[in-house]
Amino acid sequence: MKQRKLARKLEVEYDGAPKDEKVAHIILFGIKYAEELKAATKQAGCSIWKIIKSSGITKSQGLEKYTYTSEINYGMTLAQYVKPKK
């Protein structure tokens, strides 16, 4: 999956989350798309931060580089142990 497509999926996940569950849905994104994220970040010029930045969720949040990068990485790590209910 390409960087832009993953960015769009992240944006949908984030925008669809209740206000008090935004970070949980960032982690859930990492769980749902762990394999696609791993494959995408092996491509030249792609990184988790670039996916976050491309998603647009940082524009209104004023986030620093590693704010959600860690959360997505947590989700990617958890993916081998858990499956989303939905």
N, C-alpha and C. Protein backbone atom coordinates (compact mmCIF):
# COMPACT_ATOMS: atom_id res chain seq x y z
N MET A 1 0.85 -1.17 0.00
CA MET A 1 0.00 0.00 0.00
C MET A 1 0.90 1.24 0.00
N LYS A 2 0.53 2.21 -0.75
CA LYS A 2 1.32 3.43 -0.90
C LYS A 2 1.14 4.37 0.29
N GLN A 3 2.11 5.26 0.45
CA GLN A 3 2.11 6.22 1.55
C GLN A 3 0.82 7.03 1.61
N ARG A 4 0.39 7.55 0.48
CA ARG A 4 -0.81 8.40 0.45
C ARG A 4 -2.05 7.63 0.85
N LYS A 5 -2.17 6.38 0.41
CA LYS A 5 -3.33 5.56 0.75
C LYS A 5 -3.35 5.26 2.25
N LEU A 6 -2.19 4.96 2.82
CA LEU A 6 -2.11 4.74 4.27
C LEU A 6 -2.43 6.02 5.03
N ALA A 7 -1.96 7.15 4.52
CA ALA A 7 -2.25 8.44 5.15
C ALA A 7 -3.75 8.70 5.17
N ARG A 8 -4.42 8.37 4.09
CA ARG A 8 -5.87 8.57 4.02
C ARG A 8 -6.58 7.65 5.01
N LYS A 9 -6.15 6.41 5.13
CA LYS A 9 -6.75 5.47 6.08
C LYS A 9 -6.53 5.94 7.52
N LEU A 10 -5.36 6.51 7.79
CA LEU A 10 -5.09 7.07 9.12
C LEU A 10 -6.02 8.24 9.40
N GLU A 11 -6.19 9.09 8.43
CA GLU A 11 -7.06 10.25 8.59
C GLU A 11 -8.50 9.83 8.87
N VAL A 12 -8.99 8.83 8.16
CA VAL A 12 -10.35 8.32 8.37
C VAL A 12 -10.48 7.72 9.77
N GLU A 13 -9.48 6.95 10.17
CA GLU A 13 -9.48 6.33 11.51
C GLU A 13 -9.51 7.41 12.59
N TYR A 14 -8.68 8.42 12.43
CA TYR A 14 -8.58 9.50 13.41
C TYR A 14 -9.86 10.33 13.45
N ASP A 15 -10.34 10.73 12.29
CA ASP A 15 -11.54 11.58 12.23
C ASP A 15 -12.79 10.86 12.71
N GLY A 16 -12.83 9.54 12.54
CA GLY A 16 -13.99 8.77 12.96
C GLY A 16 -14.00 8.41 14.43
N ALA A 17 -12.92 8.68 15.13
CA ALA A 17 -12.81 8.32 16.54
C ALA A 17 -13.48 9.37 17.43
N PRO A 18 -14.12 8.92 18.51
CA PRO A 18 -14.64 9.89 19.49
C PRO A 18 -13.49 10.74 20.03
N LYS A 19 -13.79 11.95 20.45
CA LYS A 19 -12.76 12.90 20.89
C LYS A 19 -11.82 12.32 21.95
N ASP A 20 -12.36 11.58 22.89
CA ASP A 20 -11.53 11.04 23.97
C ASP A 20 -10.86 9.71 23.63
N GLU A 21 -10.99 9.26 22.38
CA GLU A 21 -10.38 7.99 21.96
C GLU A 21 -9.46 8.15 20.74
N LYS A 22 -9.04 9.36 20.45
CA LYS A 22 -8.21 9.62 19.27
C LYS A 22 -6.90 8.82 19.31
N VAL A 23 -6.20 8.83 20.45
CA VAL A 23 -4.92 8.14 20.54
C VAL A 23 -5.12 6.63 20.44
N ALA A 24 -6.18 6.11 21.03
CA ALA A 24 -6.47 4.67 20.93
C ALA A 24 -6.67 4.27 19.47
N HIS A 25 -7.29 5.13 18.69
CA HIS A 25 -7.52 4.83 17.28
C HIS A 25 -6.25 4.96 16.44
N ILE A 26 -5.30 5.77 16.90
CA ILE A 26 -3.99 5.84 16.23
C ILE A 26 -3.29 4.49 16.44
N ILE A 27 -3.35 3.97 17.67
CA ILE A 27 -2.76 2.66 17.97
C ILE A 27 -3.48 1.58 17.17
N LEU A 28 -4.79 1.65 17.11
CA LEU A 28 -5.59 0.69 16.36
C LEU A 28 -5.20 0.69 14.88
N PHE A 29 -4.93 1.87 14.33
CA PHE A 29 -4.45 1.97 12.95
C PHE A 29 -3.16 1.17 12.79
N GLY A 30 -2.25 1.31 13.73
CA GLY A 30 -1.00 0.54 13.68
C GLY A 30 -1.23 -0.95 13.73
N ILE A 31 -2.24 -1.38 14.49
CA ILE A 31 -2.58 -2.80 14.57
C ILE A 31 -3.18 -3.27 13.25
N LYS A 32 -4.16 -2.54 12.75
CA LYS A 32 -4.88 -2.93 11.53
C LYS A 32 -3.97 -3.00 10.30
N TYR A 33 -3.05 -2.08 10.20
CA TYR A 33 -2.25 -1.94 8.98
C TYR A 33 -0.76 -2.23 9.21
N ALA A 34 -0.45 -3.03 10.21
CA ALA A 34 0.94 -3.31 10.56
C ALA A 34 1.75 -3.82 9.37
N GLU A 35 1.23 -4.80 8.67
CA GLU A 35 1.97 -5.39 7.54
C GLU A 35 2.15 -4.38 6.41
N GLU A 36 1.10 -3.63 6.12
CA GLU A 36 1.17 -2.62 5.06
C GLU A 36 2.16 -1.51 5.44
N LEU A 37 2.16 -1.13 6.72
CA LEU A 37 3.08 -0.10 7.19
C LEU A 37 4.53 -0.57 7.10
N LYS A 38 4.76 -1.81 7.49
CA LYS A 38 6.12 -2.37 7.40
C LYS A 38 6.60 -2.38 5.95
N ALA A 39 5.74 -2.81 5.06
CA ALA A 39 6.10 -2.85 3.64
C ALA A 39 6.34 -1.44 3.09
N ALA A 40 5.47 -0.51 3.44
CA ALA A 40 5.59 0.85 2.93
C ALA A 40 6.86 1.53 3.42
N THR A 41 7.21 1.30 4.68
CA THR A 41 8.39 1.98 5.22
C THR A 41 9.70 1.39 4.72
N LYS A 42 9.62 0.26 4.06
CA LYS A 42 10.82 -0.30 3.43
C LYS A 42 11.10 0.38 2.09
N GLN A 43 10.11 1.08 1.57
CA GLN A 43 10.29 1.80 0.30
C GLN A 43 11.09 3.08 0.56
N ALA A 44 11.88 3.45 -0.39
CA ALA A 44 12.69 4.66 -0.26
C ALA A 44 11.80 5.89 -0.08
N GLY A 45 12.15 6.70 0.89
CA GLY A 45 11.45 7.96 1.09
C GLY A 45 10.18 7.88 1.91
N CYS A 46 9.81 6.72 2.39
CA CYS A 46 8.59 6.58 3.17
C CYS A 46 8.94 6.29 4.63
N SER A 47 8.19 6.91 5.53
CA SER A 47 8.37 6.67 6.96
C SER A 47 7.02 6.84 7.65
N ILE A 48 6.94 6.38 8.88
CA ILE A 48 5.71 6.56 9.65
C ILE A 48 5.39 8.04 9.79
N TRP A 49 6.42 8.84 10.08
CA TRP A 49 6.20 10.28 10.22
C TRP A 49 5.65 10.89 8.93
N LYS A 50 6.16 10.48 7.78
CA LYS A 50 5.66 11.02 6.51
C LYS A 50 4.21 10.62 6.28
N ILE A 51 3.84 9.43 6.70
CA ILE A 51 2.44 9.00 6.58
C ILE A 51 1.57 9.87 7.48
N ILE A 52 2.00 10.10 8.70
CA ILE A 52 1.24 10.96 9.63
C ILE A 52 1.11 12.36 9.05
N LYS A 53 2.22 12.91 8.60
CA LYS A 53 2.23 14.26 8.05
C LYS A 53 1.33 14.38 6.82
N SER A 54 1.36 13.36 5.96
CA SER A 54 0.54 13.36 4.76
C SER A 54 -0.95 13.24 5.07
N SER A 55 -1.27 12.67 6.22
CA SER A 55 -2.67 12.44 6.57
C SER A 55 -3.40 13.74 6.87
N GLY A 56 -2.69 14.75 7.30
CA GLY A 56 -3.34 16.01 7.62
C GLY A 56 -3.77 16.13 9.07
N ILE A 57 -3.67 15.07 9.85
CA ILE A 57 -4.12 15.14 11.24
C ILE A 57 -3.22 16.03 12.08
N THR A 58 -2.02 16.31 11.61
CA THR A 58 -1.09 17.14 12.37
C THR A 58 -1.35 18.62 12.18
N LYS A 59 -2.07 19.00 11.14
CA LYS A 59 -2.26 20.41 10.84
C LYS A 59 -2.97 21.16 11.97
N SER A 60 -4.02 20.57 12.49
CA SER A 60 -4.77 21.24 13.55
C SER A 60 -4.22 20.90 14.93
N GLN A 61 -3.40 19.89 15.02
CA GLN A 61 -2.92 19.43 16.32
C GLN A 61 -1.60 20.08 16.74
N GLY A 62 -0.82 20.59 15.80
CA GLY A 62 0.48 21.15 16.13
C GLY A 62 1.41 20.11 16.75
N LEU A 63 1.38 18.91 16.21
CA LEU A 63 2.13 17.81 16.79
C LEU A 63 3.59 17.85 16.44
N GLU A 64 4.39 17.37 17.35
CA GLU A 64 5.80 17.20 17.08
C GLU A 64 6.01 15.88 16.36
N LYS A 65 7.19 15.72 15.81
CA LYS A 65 7.50 14.57 14.95
C LYS A 65 7.17 13.22 15.57
N TYR A 66 7.45 13.02 16.83
CA TYR A 66 7.31 11.69 17.40
C TYR A 66 6.03 11.47 18.19
N THR A 67 5.14 12.44 18.20
CA THR A 67 3.93 12.32 19.00
C THR A 67 3.12 11.08 18.66
N TYR A 68 2.76 10.89 17.41
CA TYR A 68 1.96 9.73 17.02
C TYR A 68 2.80 8.63 16.39
N THR A 69 4.04 8.91 16.06
CA THR A 69 4.91 7.87 15.51
C THR A 69 5.04 6.73 16.50
N SER A 70 5.25 7.05 17.76
CA SER A 70 5.37 6.02 18.80
C SER A 70 4.09 5.22 18.94
N GLU A 71 2.96 5.89 18.87
CA GLU A 71 1.66 5.21 19.02
C GLU A 71 1.45 4.21 17.88
N ILE A 72 1.78 4.60 16.67
CA ILE A 72 1.63 3.68 15.53
C ILE A 72 2.60 2.51 15.68
N ASN A 73 3.81 2.78 16.13
CA ASN A 73 4.76 1.70 16.36
C ASN A 73 4.28 0.75 17.45
N TYR A 74 3.64 1.27 18.50
CA TYR A 74 3.06 0.40 19.53
C TYR A 74 2.03 -0.52 18.90
N GLY A 75 1.17 0.04 18.07
CA GLY A 75 0.16 -0.75 17.40
C GLY A 75 0.75 -1.82 16.50
N MET A 76 1.80 -1.46 15.78
CA MET A 76 2.46 -2.44 14.90
C MET A 76 3.05 -3.59 15.72
N THR A 77 3.59 -3.28 16.87
CA THR A 77 4.14 -4.32 17.74
C THR A 77 3.03 -5.19 18.32
N LEU A 78 1.95 -4.57 18.73
CA LEU A 78 0.82 -5.30 19.30
C LEU A 78 0.10 -6.19 18.28
N ALA A 79 0.23 -5.85 17.00
CA ALA A 79 -0.48 -6.57 15.95
C ALA A 79 -0.23 -8.07 15.96
N GLN A 80 0.93 -8.48 16.41
CA GLN A 80 1.22 -9.91 16.45
C GLN A 80 0.51 -10.61 17.60
N TYR A 81 -0.08 -9.84 18.53
CA TYR A 81 -0.72 -10.42 19.70
C TYR A 81 -2.23 -10.21 19.76
N VAL A 82 -2.74 -9.20 19.06
CA VAL A 82 -4.17 -8.86 19.16
C VAL A 82 -4.79 -8.71 17.77
N LYS A 83 -6.10 -8.81 17.73
CA LYS A 83 -6.88 -8.58 16.51
C LYS A 83 -7.99 -7.59 16.85
N PRO A 84 -8.25 -6.62 15.98
CA PRO A 84 -9.36 -5.68 16.22
C PRO A 84 -10.71 -6.40 16.23
N LYS A 85 -11.62 -5.94 17.04
CA LYS A 85 -12.96 -6.53 17.10
C LYS A 85 -13.77 -6.21 15.84
N LYS A 86 -13.57 -5.02 15.28
CA LYS A 86 -14.36 -4.60 14.11
C LYS A 86 -13.56 -4.75 12.86
